[in-house]
Amino acid sequence: MMEKRPVIGITLDLEDGGEGRYSRFKWYAMRENYMSAVSTAGGLPIALPLFPQLCVDYMHLLDGLIITGGAFDIDPTLYGETHVHPTINLRPRRTQAEATYLAEALQRDMPVLGICGGMQLIAVALGGSLIQHIPEECPTALPHEQPNPRNEASHSVTITPDTLLACSMGSPARIGVNSSHHQAVKTPGRGIINAMAEDGIIEGIEDPTHSFCLGVQWHPEFGIDPADKALFKAFIQAAGDSA
């Protein structure tokens, strides 16, 4: 009998409709490689709609949670900021739903992987804060919104030894990553930093009080480095162990 695949919920994005788009009405979106990365690593991916009122019902079905990235930002008021940078693009419905899924997963100690904006949400949930616009707050930083294609590396990150991330990826000292963000984690709250770019921008965090709760600022679903695939396998393994 085939071993049961851990069920992994992956959060969706919500797009406005319009002429010339997929639909004139609102529609959900997700890049295919989120699904294929989970499937290849041994998981059973399912898409999570932005229905916070159904969070508990969905959590009964899941063994792990992935909070995806997207072209939007977390409301700065959620981490105590009164100033909102003009580049900020809010999607309140998505943030509310993802925050609800995350809170329930953490309460259950369900394995969680946050990707790009998903990592930033984890940081805020752990009491941390964000850099609202890297070019303004860190003018000497690398171009974290890379000009080259997202399936290519943009810069390298140093992995902190003996962290969950390091162990999950096979303990590499440094890997090449892609980069598609204008914000970054400023402080990790009760989390700890597990990866750093060469310009000092935080590229990964994790919560040592949970069995598997970590986030990375890059997009490992593209599988640019072998360590990316190892990360997904470790996450799926953790989800299977907790099922």
C-alpha atoms as a PDB file:
ATOM      1  CA  MET A   1       0.000   0.000   0.000  1.00  0.00           C
ATOM      2  CA  MET A   2       1.268   3.447  -0.914  1.00  0.00           C
ATOM      3  CA  GLU A   3       2.275   5.572   2.076  1.00  0.00           C
ATOM      4  CA  LYS A   4      -0.094   8.462   2.750  1.00  0.00           C
ATOM      5  CA  ARG A   5       1.190  11.789   1.493  1.00  0.00           C
ATOM      6  CA  PRO A   6       1.111  14.634   4.044  1.00  0.00           C
ATOM      7  CA  VAL A   7      -1.576  17.157   3.085  1.00  0.00           C
ATOM      8  CA  ILE A   8      -0.115  20.632   2.622  1.00  0.00           C
ATOM      9  CA  GLY A   9      -2.306  23.719   2.445  1.00  0.00           C
ATOM     10  CA  ILE A  10      -0.936  26.523   0.264  1.00  0.00           C
ATOM     11  CA  THR A  11      -2.417  30.007   0.497  1.00  0.00           C
ATOM     12  CA  LEU A  12      -3.821  31.601  -2.637  1.00  0.00           C
ATOM     13  CA  ASP A  13      -3.589  35.146  -3.925  1.00  0.00           C
ATOM     14  CA  LEU A  14      -6.718  37.077  -4.875  1.00  0.00           C
ATOM     15  CA  GLU A  15      -6.628  39.126  -8.053  1.00  0.00           C
ATOM     16  CA  ASP A  16      -8.988  41.849  -9.209  1.00  0.00           C
ATOM     17  CA  GLY A  17     -10.798  41.100 -12.430  1.00  0.00           C
ATOM     18  CA  GLY A  18     -10.808  43.270 -15.508  1.00  0.00           C
ATOM     19  CA  GLU A  19     -11.016  43.336 -19.270  1.00  0.00           C
ATOM     20  CA  GLY A  20      -8.229  41.386 -20.941  1.00  0.00           C
ATOM     21  CA  ARG A  21      -7.426  39.407 -17.790  1.00  0.00           C
ATOM     22  CA  TYR A  22      -8.249  35.823 -16.825  1.00  0.00           C
ATOM     23  CA  SER A  23     -11.702  36.999 -15.757  1.00  0.00           C
ATOM     24  CA  ARG A  24     -13.639  40.218 -15.447  1.00  0.00           C
ATOM     25  CA  PHE A  25     -14.406  39.118 -11.891  1.00  0.00           C
ATOM     26  CA  LYS A  26     -12.144  38.437  -8.912  1.00  0.00           C
ATOM     27  CA  TRP A  27     -10.102  35.262  -9.217  1.00  0.00           C
ATOM     28  CA  TYR A  28      -7.608  33.228  -7.194  1.00  0.00           C
ATOM     29  CA  ALA A  29      -4.050  32.736  -8.397  1.00  0.00           C
ATOM     30  CA  MET A  30      -1.016  30.613  -7.563  1.00  0.00           C
ATOM     31  CA  ARG A  31       2.153  29.831  -9.501  1.00  0.00           C
ATOM     32  CA  GLU A  32       2.271  26.182 -10.508  1.00  0.00           C
ATOM     33  CA  ASN A  33       5.721  25.613  -9.018  1.00  0.00           C
ATOM     34  CA  TYR A  34       4.394  25.971  -5.457  1.00  0.00           C
ATOM     35  CA  MET A  35       2.235  22.921  -6.134  1.00  0.00           C
ATOM     36  CA  SER A  36       4.882  20.961  -8.034  1.00  0.00           C
ATOM     37  CA  ALA A  37       7.553  21.613  -5.379  1.00  0.00           C
ATOM     38  CA  VAL A  38       5.283  20.142  -2.699  1.00  0.00           C
ATOM     39  CA  SER A  39       4.244  17.214  -4.885  1.00  0.00           C
ATOM     40  CA  THR A  40       7.822  16.402  -5.901  1.00  0.00           C
ATOM     41  CA  ALA A  41       8.875  16.468  -2.237  1.00  0.00           C
ATOM     42  CA  GLY A  42       6.202  13.892  -1.371  1.00  0.00           C
ATOM     43  CA  GLY A  43       3.323  16.073  -0.215  1.00  0.00           C
ATOM     44  CA  LEU A  44      -0.280  16.371  -1.361  1.00  0.00           C
ATOM     45  CA  PRO A  45      -0.830  20.077  -2.136  1.00  0.00           C
ATOM     46  CA  ILE A  46      -4.227  21.722  -1.779  1.00  0.00           C
ATOM     47  CA  ALA A  47      -5.095  25.372  -2.340  1.00  0.00           C
ATOM     48  CA  LEU A  48      -6.442  27.414   0.575  1.00  0.00           C
ATOM     49  CA  PRO A  49      -9.004  30.105  -0.243  1.00  0.00           C
ATOM     50  CA  LEU A  50      -9.070  33.301   1.770  1.00  0.00           C
ATOM     51  CA  PHE A  51     -11.871  32.248   4.105  1.00  0.00           C
ATOM     52  CA  PRO A  52     -10.735  32.841   7.705  1.00  0.00           C
ATOM     53  CA  GLN A  53     -14.145  31.714   8.972  1.00  0.00           C
ATOM     54  CA  LEU A  54     -13.383  28.231   7.600  1.00  0.00           C
ATOM     55  CA  CYS A  55      -9.850  28.078   9.023  1.00  0.00           C
ATOM     56  CA  VAL A  56     -10.549  25.424  11.660  1.00  0.00           C
ATOM     57  CA  ASP A  57     -12.384  23.245   9.140  1.00  0.00           C
ATOM     58  CA  TYR A  58      -9.411  23.384   6.774  1.00  0.00           C
ATOM     59  CA  MET A  59      -6.888  22.772   9.553  1.00  0.00           C
ATOM     60  CA  HIS A  60      -8.548  19.467  10.352  1.00  0.00           C
ATOM     61  CA  LEU A  61      -7.586  18.366   6.836  1.00  0.00           C
ATOM     62  CA  LEU A  62      -3.977  19.615   6.847  1.00  0.00           C
ATOM     63  CA  ASP A  63      -0.630  18.289   8.035  1.00  0.00           C
ATOM     64  CA  GLY A  64       1.371  21.390   7.058  1.00  0.00           C
ATOM     65  CA  LEU A  65       0.912  24.997   5.939  1.00  0.00           C
ATOM     66  CA  ILE A  66       2.741  27.081   3.329  1.00  0.00           C
ATOM     67  CA  ILE A  67       2.166  30.839   3.323  1.00  0.00           C
ATOM     68  CA  THR A  68       3.100  32.086  -0.118  1.00  0.00           C
ATOM     69  CA  GLY A  69       4.495  35.371  -1.375  1.00  0.00           C
ATOM     70  CA  GLY A  70       2.774  37.968  -3.517  1.00  0.00           C
ATOM     71  CA  ALA A  71       2.915  41.490  -4.885  1.00  0.00           C
ATOM     72  CA  PHE A  72       1.501  43.116  -1.764  1.00  0.00           C
ATOM     73  CA  ASP A  73       2.548  44.221   1.727  1.00  0.00           C
ATOM     74  CA  ILE A  74       1.509  43.675   5.330  1.00  0.00           C
ATOM     75  CA  ASP A  75      -0.246  46.603   6.971  1.00  0.00           C
ATOM     76  CA  PRO A  76       2.422  48.486   8.985  1.00  0.00           C
ATOM     77  CA  THR A  77      -0.092  49.111  11.776  1.00  0.00           C
ATOM     78  CA  LEU A  78       0.119  45.378  12.536  1.00  0.00           C
ATOM     79  CA  TYR A  79       3.713  45.858  13.695  1.00  0.00           C
ATOM     80  CA  GLY A  80       3.202  49.168  15.456  1.00  0.00           C
ATOM     81  CA  GLU A  81       4.057  51.651  12.697  1.00  0.00           C
ATOM     82  CA  THR A  82       2.048  54.839  12.224  1.00  0.00           C
ATOM     83  CA  HIS A  83       3.883  55.933   9.067  1.00  0.00           C
ATOM     84  CA  VAL A  84       2.995  54.072   5.850  1.00  0.00           C
ATOM     85  CA  HIS A  85       5.497  54.289   2.999  1.00  0.00           C
ATOM     86  CA  PRO A  86       3.917  55.355  -0.312  1.00  0.00           C
ATOM     87  CA  THR A  87       5.071  52.134  -2.010  1.00  0.00           C
ATOM     88  CA  ILE A  88       2.942  50.005   0.339  1.00  0.00           C
ATOM     89  CA  ASN A  89       0.271  47.927  -1.411  1.00  0.00           C
ATOM     90  CA  LEU A  90      -2.225  46.376   0.994  1.00  0.00           C
ATOM     91  CA  ARG A  91      -4.461  43.350   0.539  1.00  0.00           C
ATOM     92  CA  PRO A  92      -6.333  43.270   3.871  1.00  0.00           C
ATOM     93  CA  ARG A  93      -8.498  40.274   3.035  1.00  0.00           C
ATOM     94  CA  ARG A  94      -5.478  38.140   2.194  1.00  0.00           C
ATOM     95  CA  THR A  95      -3.490  39.261   5.236  1.00  0.00           C
ATOM     96  CA  GLN A  96      -6.403  38.571   7.582  1.00  0.00           C
ATOM     97  CA  ALA A  97      -6.947  35.092   6.168  1.00  0.00           C
ATOM     98  CA  GLU A  98      -3.255  34.142   6.185  1.00  0.00           C
ATOM     99  CA  ALA A  99      -2.811  35.477   9.723  1.00  0.00           C
ATOM    100  CA  THR A 100      -5.751  33.334  10.839  1.00  0.00           C
ATOM    101  CA  TYR A 101      -4.350  30.214   9.190  1.00  0.00           C
ATOM    102  CA  LEU A 102      -0.924  30.909  10.693  1.00  0.00           C
ATOM    103  CA  ALA A 103      -2.245  31.472  14.233  1.00  0.00           C
ATOM    104  CA  GLU A 104      -4.209  28.220  14.126  1.00  0.00           C
ATOM    105  CA  ALA A 105      -1.241  26.281  12.731  1.00  0.00           C
ATOM    106  CA  LEU A 106       1.071  27.607  15.450  1.00  0.00           C
ATOM    107  CA  GLN A 107      -1.468  26.758  18.131  1.00  0.00           C
ATOM    108  CA  ARG A 108      -1.529  23.187  16.828  1.00  0.00           C
ATOM    109  CA  ASP A 109       2.270  23.123  16.367  1.00  0.00           C
ATOM    110  CA  MET A 110       1.631  22.249  12.732  1.00  0.00           C
ATOM    111  CA  PRO A 111       4.706  22.601  10.472  1.00  0.00           C
ATOM    112  CA  VAL A 112       4.739  25.996   8.747  1.00  0.00           C
ATOM    113  CA  LEU A 113       6.874  27.259   5.868  1.00  0.00           C
ATOM    114  CA  GLY A 114       6.658  30.967   4.995  1.00  0.00           C
ATOM    115  CA  ILE A 115       7.956  32.086   1.598  1.00  0.00           C
ATOM    116  CA  CYS A 116       8.888  35.721   0.865  1.00  0.00           C
ATOM    117  CA  GLY A 117       5.864  37.666   2.136  1.00  0.00           C
ATOM    118  CA  GLY A 118       4.942  34.555   4.110  1.00  0.00           C
ATOM    119  CA  MET A 119       8.184  34.898   6.057  1.00  0.00           C
ATOM    120  CA  GLN A 120       7.375  38.528   6.758  1.00  0.00           C
ATOM    121  CA  LEU A 121       3.962  37.540   8.125  1.00  0.00           C
ATOM    122  CA  ILE A 122       5.615  34.992  10.417  1.00  0.00           C
ATOM    123  CA  ALA A 123       7.974  37.690  11.695  1.00  0.00           C
ATOM    124  CA  VAL A 124       5.070  40.006  12.492  1.00  0.00           C
ATOM    125  CA  ALA A 125       3.157  37.170  14.178  1.00  0.00           C
ATOM    126  CA  LEU A 126       6.211  36.528  16.355  1.00  0.00           C
ATOM    127  CA  GLY A 127       6.261  40.169  17.466  1.00  0.00           C
ATOM    128  CA  GLY A 128       8.806  41.407  14.921  1.00  0.00           C
ATOM    129  CA  SER A 129       8.806  44.330  12.510  1.00  0.00           C
ATOM    130  CA  LEU A 130       9.529  45.052   8.857  1.00  0.00           C
ATOM    131  CA  ILE A 131      11.601  47.405   6.723  1.00  0.00           C
ATOM    132  CA  GLN A 132       8.869  49.064   4.670  1.00  0.00           C
ATOM    133  CA  HIS A 133      11.027  49.920   1.647  1.00  0.00           C
ATOM    134  CA  ILE A 134      14.585  48.609   1.389  1.00  0.00           C
ATOM    135  CA  PRO A 135      15.934  51.220  -1.087  1.00  0.00           C
ATOM    136  CA  GLU A 136      14.969  54.029   1.287  1.00  0.00           C
ATOM    137  CA  GLU A 137      15.899  52.504   4.647  1.00  0.00           C
ATOM    138  CA  CYS A 138      18.955  50.622   3.360  1.00  0.00           C
ATOM    139  CA  PRO A 139      20.263  52.624   0.374  1.00  0.00           C
ATOM    140  CA  THR A 140      23.466  50.565   0.091  1.00  0.00           C
ATOM    141  CA  ALA A 141      21.592  47.263  -0.080  1.00  0.00           C
ATOM    142  CA  LEU A 142      21.676  44.910  -3.042  1.00  0.00           C
ATOM    143  CA  PRO A 143      18.859  45.136  -5.620  1.00  0.00           C
ATOM    144  CA  HIS A 144      16.443  42.763  -3.880  1.00  0.00           C
ATOM    145  CA  GLU A 145      13.953  43.129  -6.715  1.00  0.00           C
ATOM    146  CA  GLN A 146      16.260  41.411  -9.164  1.00  0.00           C
ATOM    147  CA  PRO A 147      16.339  42.487 -12.819  1.00  0.00           C
ATOM    148  CA  ASN A 148      17.128  38.983 -14.109  1.00  0.00           C
ATOM    149  CA  PRO A 149      14.510  36.186 -14.336  1.00  0.00           C
ATOM    150  CA  ARG A 150      13.188  34.772 -11.050  1.00  0.00           C
ATOM    151  CA  ASN A 151      14.361  31.271 -11.939  1.00  0.00           C
ATOM    152  CA  GLU A 152      17.964  32.482 -11.708  1.00  0.00           C
ATOM    153  CA  ALA A 153      20.015  33.363  -8.651  1.00  0.00           C
ATOM    154  CA  SER A 154      20.391  37.031  -7.770  1.00  0.00           C
ATOM    155  CA  HIS A 155      22.720  36.967  -4.771  1.00  0.00           C
ATOM    156  CA  SER A 156      23.974  34.623  -2.073  1.00  0.00           C
ATOM    157  CA  VAL A 157      22.870  34.121   1.510  1.00  0.00           C
ATOM    158  CA  THR A 158      24.825  32.795   4.458  1.00  0.00           C
ATOM    159  CA  ILE A 159      23.047  30.075   6.428  1.00  0.00           C
ATOM    160  CA  THR A 160      23.378  30.162  10.219  1.00  0.00           C
ATOM    161  CA  PRO A 161      24.862  26.837  11.406  1.00  0.00           C
ATOM    162  CA  ASP A 162      22.892  24.502  13.688  1.00  0.00           C
ATOM    163  CA  THR A 163      19.541  26.106  12.909  1.00  0.00           C
ATOM    164  CA  LEU A 164      16.450  24.274  11.711  1.00  0.00           C
ATOM    165  CA  LEU A 165      16.989  25.830   8.289  1.00  0.00           C
ATOM    166  CA  ALA A 166      20.592  24.649   8.121  1.00  0.00           C
ATOM    167  CA  CYS A 167      19.661  21.125   9.164  1.00  0.00           C
ATOM    168  CA  SER A 168      16.762  21.050   6.712  1.00  0.00           C
ATOM    169  CA  MET A 169      18.963  22.083   3.800  1.00  0.00           C
ATOM    170  CA  GLY A 170      21.861  19.755   4.517  1.00  0.00           C
ATOM    171  CA  SER A 171      23.938  22.352   6.394  1.00  0.00           C
ATOM    172  CA  PRO A 172      25.275  24.438   3.495  1.00  0.00           C
ATOM    173  CA  ALA A 173      27.362  27.442   4.487  1.00  0.00           C
ATOM    174  CA  ARG A 174      26.045  29.600   1.645  1.00  0.00           C
ATOM    175  CA  ILE A 175      23.599  29.231  -1.239  1.00  0.00           C
ATOM    176  CA  GLY A 176      22.522  31.286  -4.253  1.00  0.00           C
ATOM    177  CA  VAL A 177      18.953  32.595  -4.130  1.00  0.00           C
ATOM    178  CA  ASN A 178      16.514  34.592  -6.199  1.00  0.00           C
ATOM    179  CA  SER A 179      15.122  37.865  -4.881  1.00  0.00           C
ATOM    180  CA  SER A 180      11.748  39.519  -5.405  1.00  0.00           C
ATOM    181  CA  HIS A 181      10.922  41.867  -2.535  1.00  0.00           C
ATOM    182  CA  HIS A 182      11.095  45.544  -1.619  1.00  0.00           C
ATOM    183  CA  GLN A 183      10.464  44.867   2.082  1.00  0.00           C
ATOM    184  CA  ALA A 184      12.385  42.767   4.592  1.00  0.00           C
ATOM    185  CA  VAL A 185      12.322  41.667   8.199  1.00  0.00           C
ATOM    186  CA  LYS A 186      13.771  44.348  10.463  1.00  0.00           C
ATOM    187  CA  THR A 187      13.431  42.491  13.780  1.00  0.00           C
ATOM    188  CA  PRO A 188      12.383  38.826  14.162  1.00  0.00           C
ATOM    189  CA  GLY A 189      10.508  39.180  17.456  1.00  0.00           C
ATOM    190  CA  ARG A 190      10.824  35.972  19.423  1.00  0.00           C
ATOM    191  CA  GLY A 191      12.148  34.264  16.300  1.00  0.00           C
ATOM    192  CA  ILE A 192      15.817  33.837  15.456  1.00  0.00           C
ATOM    193  CA  ILE A 193      17.675  34.717  12.265  1.00  0.00           C
ATOM    194  CA  ASN A 194      18.816  31.706  10.240  1.00  0.00           C
ATOM    195  CA  ALA A 195      19.965  33.321   6.970  1.00  0.00           C
ATOM    196  CA  MET A 196      21.502  36.649   5.986  1.00  0.00           C
ATOM    197  CA  ALA A 197      22.336  38.319   2.684  1.00  0.00           C
ATOM    198  CA  GLU A 198      25.792  39.764   2.179  1.00  0.00           C
ATOM    199  CA  ASP A 199      24.372  43.289   2.584  1.00  0.00           C
ATOM    200  CA  GLY A 200      22.944  42.501   6.033  1.00  0.00           C
ATOM    201  CA  ILE A 201      19.327  42.014   4.967  1.00  0.00           C
ATOM    202  CA  ILE A 202      17.638  39.206   6.915  1.00  0.00           C
ATOM    203  CA  GLU A 203      16.820  36.322   4.565  1.00  0.00           C
ATOM    204  CA  GLY A 204      15.440  33.712   6.956  1.00  0.00           C
ATOM    205  CA  ILE A 205      13.906  33.319  10.404  1.00  0.00           C
ATOM    206  CA  GLU A 206      12.561  30.481  12.520  1.00  0.00           C
ATOM    207  CA  ASP A 207      10.729  30.014  15.808  1.00  0.00           C
ATOM    208  CA  PRO A 208      12.626  27.614  18.073  1.00  0.00           C
ATOM    209  CA  THR A 209       9.557  27.174  20.305  1.00  0.00           C
ATOM    210  CA  HIS A 210       7.799  25.199  17.553  1.00  0.00           C
ATOM    211  CA  SER A 211       8.813  21.899  15.992  1.00  0.00           C
ATOM    212  CA  PHE A 212       8.937  23.363  12.461  1.00  0.00           C
ATOM    213  CA  CYS A 213       8.188  27.023  11.871  1.00  0.00           C
ATOM    214  CA  LEU A 214      10.502  28.855   9.518  1.00  0.00           C
ATOM    215  CA  GLY A 215      10.453  31.365   6.734  1.00  0.00           C
ATOM    216  CA  VAL A 216      12.784  32.294   3.902  1.00  0.00           C
ATOM    217  CA  GLN A 217      12.812  35.545   1.953  1.00  0.00           C
ATOM    218  CA  TRP A 218      13.623  33.902  -1.383  1.00  0.00           C
ATOM    219  CA  HIS A 219      11.460  31.527  -3.435  1.00  0.00           C
ATOM    220  CA  PRO A 220      12.743  27.950  -2.941  1.00  0.00           C
ATOM    221  CA  GLU A 221       9.892  26.559  -5.050  1.00  0.00           C
ATOM    222  CA  PHE A 222      12.001  27.484  -8.097  1.00  0.00           C
ATOM    223  CA  GLY A 223      14.631  24.955  -6.954  1.00  0.00           C
ATOM    224  CA  ILE A 224      17.598  27.114  -7.976  1.00  0.00           C
ATOM    225  CA  ASP A 225      19.927  25.459  -5.460  1.00  0.00           C
ATOM    226  CA  PRO A 226      19.791  21.776  -4.414  1.00  0.00           C
ATOM    227  CA  ALA A 227      19.287  23.046  -0.866  1.00  0.00           C
ATOM    228  CA  ASP A 228      15.881  24.432  -1.921  1.00  0.00           C
ATOM    229  CA  LYS A 229      14.609  20.958  -2.768  1.00  0.00           C
ATOM    230  CA  ALA A 230      16.087  19.640   0.470  1.00  0.00           C
ATOM    231  CA  LEU A 231      14.137  22.290   2.381  1.00  0.00           C
ATOM    232  CA  PHE A 232      10.850  21.171   0.840  1.00  0.00           C
ATOM    233  CA  LYS A 233      11.636  17.519   1.595  1.00  0.00           C
ATOM    234  CA  ALA A 234      12.417  18.358   5.227  1.00  0.00           C
ATOM    235  CA  PHE A 235       9.199  20.345   5.532  1.00  0.00           C
ATOM    236  CA  ILE A 236       7.116  17.505   4.039  1.00  0.00           C
ATOM    237  CA  GLN A 237       8.871  15.033   6.339  1.00  0.00           C
ATOM    238  CA  ALA A 238       8.017  17.175   9.356  1.00  0.00           C
ATOM    239  CA  ALA A 239       4.401  17.384   8.210  1.00  0.00           C
ATOM    240  CA  GLY A 240       4.277  13.618   7.832  1.00  0.00           C
ATOM    241  CA  ASP A 241       5.767  13.109  11.281  1.00  0.00           C
ATOM    242  CA  SER A 242       3.150  15.350  12.864  1.00  0.00           C
ATOM    243  CA  ALA A 243       0.203  13.837  10.989  1.00  0.00           C
END
